[in-house]
Amino acid sequence: MADLSLPRPGCCKWAEGDAGNYIFPCNTRVEAGVSYCSEHSAIVYIPPEERRRNRSGGGGMSLSFRRAA
């Protein structure tokens, strides 16, 4: 079994890798209760308004292709 890699406490939990071999390259500090730094949060988080627009057929890319993590 490969060594388990975990994000450092208090740091962004942005993961890269595949098949269970993940690394956590972002060492940006985050507040308690927050998973990602502002840069990675902007990639991961889809605002509710945009999610509703996509569900109602408002055009654009489907959510399955927009998810980054």
N, C-alpha and C. Protein backbone atom coordinates (compact mmCIF):
# COMPACT_ATOMS: atom_id res chain seq x y z
N MET A 1 0.84 -1.19 0.00
CA MET A 1 0.00 0.00 0.00
C MET A 1 0.88 1.25 0.00
N ALA A 2 0.51 2.24 -0.78
CA ALA A 2 1.28 3.48 -0.87
C ALA A 2 1.13 4.28 0.41
N ASP A 3 2.12 5.13 0.66
CA ASP A 3 2.05 6.00 1.83
C ASP A 3 0.86 6.93 1.68
N LEU A 4 0.15 7.15 2.76
CA LEU A 4 -1.01 8.01 2.76
C LEU A 4 -0.55 9.46 2.82
N SER A 5 -0.99 10.25 1.87
CA SER A 5 -0.64 11.67 1.82
C SER A 5 -1.86 12.47 2.24
N LEU A 6 -1.70 13.31 3.23
CA LEU A 6 -2.80 14.15 3.71
C LEU A 6 -2.38 15.61 3.65
N PRO A 7 -3.36 16.50 3.46
CA PRO A 7 -3.01 17.93 3.46
C PRO A 7 -2.56 18.35 4.85
N ARG A 8 -1.71 19.35 4.89
CA ARG A 8 -1.26 19.85 6.19
C ARG A 8 -2.41 20.55 6.89
N PRO A 9 -2.52 20.41 8.19
CA PRO A 9 -3.61 21.08 8.93
C PRO A 9 -3.56 22.59 8.70
N GLY A 10 -4.73 23.17 8.45
CA GLY A 10 -4.83 24.60 8.25
C GLY A 10 -4.43 25.07 6.87
N CYS A 11 -4.17 24.13 5.94
CA CYS A 11 -3.79 24.48 4.58
C CYS A 11 -4.86 24.05 3.60
N CYS A 12 -4.82 24.63 2.41
CA CYS A 12 -5.74 24.31 1.34
C CYS A 12 -5.71 22.81 1.05
N LYS A 13 -6.87 22.23 0.79
CA LYS A 13 -6.98 20.79 0.55
C LYS A 13 -7.06 20.44 -0.93
N TRP A 14 -6.60 21.32 -1.81
CA TRP A 14 -6.58 21.08 -3.25
C TRP A 14 -5.69 19.86 -3.52
N ALA A 15 -6.26 18.84 -4.16
CA ALA A 15 -5.53 17.60 -4.43
C ALA A 15 -5.25 17.45 -5.92
N GLU A 16 -4.12 16.86 -6.23
CA GLU A 16 -3.77 16.51 -7.60
C GLU A 16 -3.31 15.07 -7.60
N GLY A 17 -3.57 14.37 -8.69
CA GLY A 17 -3.16 12.98 -8.80
C GLY A 17 -4.32 12.11 -9.21
N ASP A 18 -4.10 10.80 -9.19
CA ASP A 18 -5.16 9.86 -9.56
C ASP A 18 -4.94 8.52 -8.88
N ALA A 19 -5.95 7.69 -8.95
CA ALA A 19 -5.90 6.32 -8.43
C ALA A 19 -5.41 6.25 -6.99
N GLY A 20 -5.79 7.21 -6.18
CA GLY A 20 -5.42 7.18 -4.77
C GLY A 20 -4.03 7.70 -4.48
N ASN A 21 -3.28 8.11 -5.50
CA ASN A 21 -1.95 8.67 -5.31
C ASN A 21 -2.04 10.18 -5.41
N TYR A 22 -2.58 10.79 -4.38
CA TYR A 22 -2.82 12.23 -4.41
C TYR A 22 -1.72 12.97 -3.69
N ILE A 23 -1.46 14.18 -4.17
CA ILE A 23 -0.58 15.10 -3.46
C ILE A 23 -1.38 16.36 -3.20
N PHE A 24 -0.97 17.14 -2.23
CA PHE A 24 -1.63 18.38 -1.86
C PHE A 24 -0.61 19.50 -2.01
N PRO A 25 -0.45 20.02 -3.25
CA PRO A 25 0.64 20.96 -3.54
C PRO A 25 0.43 22.37 -3.02
N CYS A 26 -0.78 22.76 -2.68
CA CYS A 26 -1.05 24.13 -2.24
C CYS A 26 -0.87 24.23 -0.72
N ASN A 27 0.07 25.05 -0.31
CA ASN A 27 0.33 25.23 1.12
C ASN A 27 -0.24 26.54 1.65
N THR A 28 -1.18 27.14 0.91
CA THR A 28 -1.80 28.39 1.34
C THR A 28 -2.63 28.14 2.59
N ARG A 29 -2.46 28.99 3.59
CA ARG A 29 -3.22 28.86 4.84
C ARG A 29 -4.68 29.23 4.60
N VAL A 30 -5.59 28.52 5.28
CA VAL A 30 -7.02 28.80 5.20
C VAL A 30 -7.57 28.94 6.61
N GLU A 31 -8.71 29.62 6.71
CA GLU A 31 -9.37 29.78 8.01
C GLU A 31 -9.98 28.46 8.45
N ALA A 32 -10.22 28.32 9.73
CA ALA A 32 -10.86 27.11 10.25
C ALA A 32 -12.23 26.93 9.59
N GLY A 33 -12.53 25.71 9.17
CA GLY A 33 -13.81 25.41 8.55
C GLY A 33 -13.85 25.65 7.05
N VAL A 34 -12.75 26.13 6.47
CA VAL A 34 -12.66 26.39 5.04
C VAL A 34 -11.73 25.34 4.43
N SER A 35 -12.16 24.72 3.33
CA SER A 35 -11.36 23.65 2.73
C SER A 35 -10.32 24.14 1.73
N TYR A 36 -10.65 25.19 0.98
CA TYR A 36 -9.77 25.62 -0.10
C TYR A 36 -9.39 27.09 0.04
N CYS A 37 -8.22 27.44 -0.50
CA CYS A 37 -7.81 28.84 -0.58
C CYS A 37 -8.73 29.53 -1.58
N SER A 38 -8.67 30.84 -1.66
CA SER A 38 -9.58 31.58 -2.55
C SER A 38 -9.37 31.20 -4.02
N GLU A 39 -8.14 30.96 -4.44
CA GLU A 39 -7.88 30.59 -5.84
C GLU A 39 -8.53 29.25 -6.19
N HIS A 40 -8.36 28.24 -5.36
CA HIS A 40 -8.93 26.93 -5.65
C HIS A 40 -10.43 26.89 -5.38
N SER A 41 -10.90 27.67 -4.43
CA SER A 41 -12.33 27.75 -4.17
C SER A 41 -13.07 28.28 -5.41
N ALA A 42 -12.47 29.24 -6.10
CA ALA A 42 -13.08 29.79 -7.32
C ALA A 42 -13.20 28.74 -8.41
N ILE A 43 -12.33 27.75 -8.41
CA ILE A 43 -12.38 26.68 -9.41
C ILE A 43 -13.42 25.64 -9.02
N VAL A 44 -13.47 25.31 -7.75
CA VAL A 44 -14.32 24.21 -7.26
C VAL A 44 -15.77 24.62 -7.06
N TYR A 45 -16.00 25.80 -6.54
CA TYR A 45 -17.34 26.22 -6.14
C TYR A 45 -18.14 26.77 -7.32
N ILE A 46 -19.33 26.26 -7.52
CA ILE A 46 -20.24 26.77 -8.54
C ILE A 46 -21.38 27.48 -7.81
N PRO A 47 -21.52 28.80 -8.01
CA PRO A 47 -22.56 29.55 -7.30
C PRO A 47 -23.96 28.97 -7.58
N PRO A 48 -24.87 29.02 -6.60
CA PRO A 48 -26.22 28.48 -6.77
C PRO A 48 -26.95 29.03 -7.98
N GLU A 49 -26.76 30.33 -8.30
CA GLU A 49 -27.44 30.93 -9.44
C GLU A 49 -27.01 30.24 -10.74
N GLU A 50 -25.71 30.00 -10.88
CA GLU A 50 -25.21 29.35 -12.08
C GLU A 50 -25.67 27.89 -12.15
N ARG A 51 -25.73 27.22 -11.00
CA ARG A 51 -26.20 25.84 -10.95
C ARG A 51 -27.65 25.76 -11.41
N ARG A 52 -28.49 26.69 -10.95
CA ARG A 52 -29.91 26.72 -11.37
C ARG A 52 -30.02 27.01 -12.86
N ARG A 53 -29.22 27.93 -13.36
CA ARG A 53 -29.23 28.27 -14.78
C ARG A 53 -28.88 27.04 -15.63
N ASN A 54 -27.89 26.29 -15.21
CA ASN A 54 -27.48 25.09 -15.94
C ASN A 54 -28.55 24.01 -15.91
N ARG A 55 -29.23 23.86 -14.79
CA ARG A 55 -30.29 22.85 -14.68
C ARG A 55 -31.49 23.19 -15.54
N SER A 56 -31.76 24.48 -15.69
CA SER A 56 -32.93 24.89 -16.46
C SER A 56 -32.63 24.98 -17.95
N GLY A 57 -31.47 24.52 -18.38
CA GLY A 57 -31.14 24.53 -19.80
C GLY A 57 -30.71 25.88 -20.29
N GLY A 58 -30.09 26.67 -19.43
CA GLY A 58 -29.65 28.00 -19.79
C GLY A 58 -28.43 28.03 -20.69
N GLY A 59 -28.05 26.89 -21.23
CA GLY A 59 -26.90 26.85 -22.12
C GLY A 59 -25.61 26.66 -21.35
N GLY A 60 -24.54 26.64 -22.05
CA GLY A 60 -23.24 26.48 -21.43
C GLY A 60 -22.89 25.01 -21.22
N MET A 61 -21.78 24.80 -20.59
CA MET A 61 -21.27 23.47 -20.35
C MET A 61 -22.04 22.79 -19.22
N SER A 62 -22.23 21.49 -19.30
CA SER A 62 -22.92 20.78 -18.23
C SER A 62 -22.02 20.73 -17.00
N LEU A 63 -22.63 20.55 -15.83
CA LEU A 63 -21.88 20.52 -14.59
C LEU A 63 -20.84 19.42 -14.57
N SER A 64 -21.13 18.29 -15.18
CA SER A 64 -20.18 17.18 -15.13
C SER A 64 -18.84 17.56 -15.76
N PHE A 65 -18.84 18.48 -16.71
CA PHE A 65 -17.60 18.88 -17.34
C PHE A 65 -16.96 20.08 -16.63
N ARG A 66 -17.67 20.71 -15.73
CA ARG A 66 -17.17 21.90 -15.07
C ARG A 66 -16.50 21.60 -13.74
N ARG A 67 -16.75 20.44 -13.20
CA ARG A 67 -16.16 20.11 -11.90
C ARG A 67 -14.68 19.90 -12.05
N ALA A 68 -13.92 20.48 -11.12
CA ALA A 68 -12.48 20.38 -11.20
C ALA A 68 -11.92 19.45 -10.12
N ALA A 69 -12.67 19.26 -9.07
CA ALA A 69 -12.16 18.41 -8.00
C ALA A 69 -13.27 17.61 -7.40
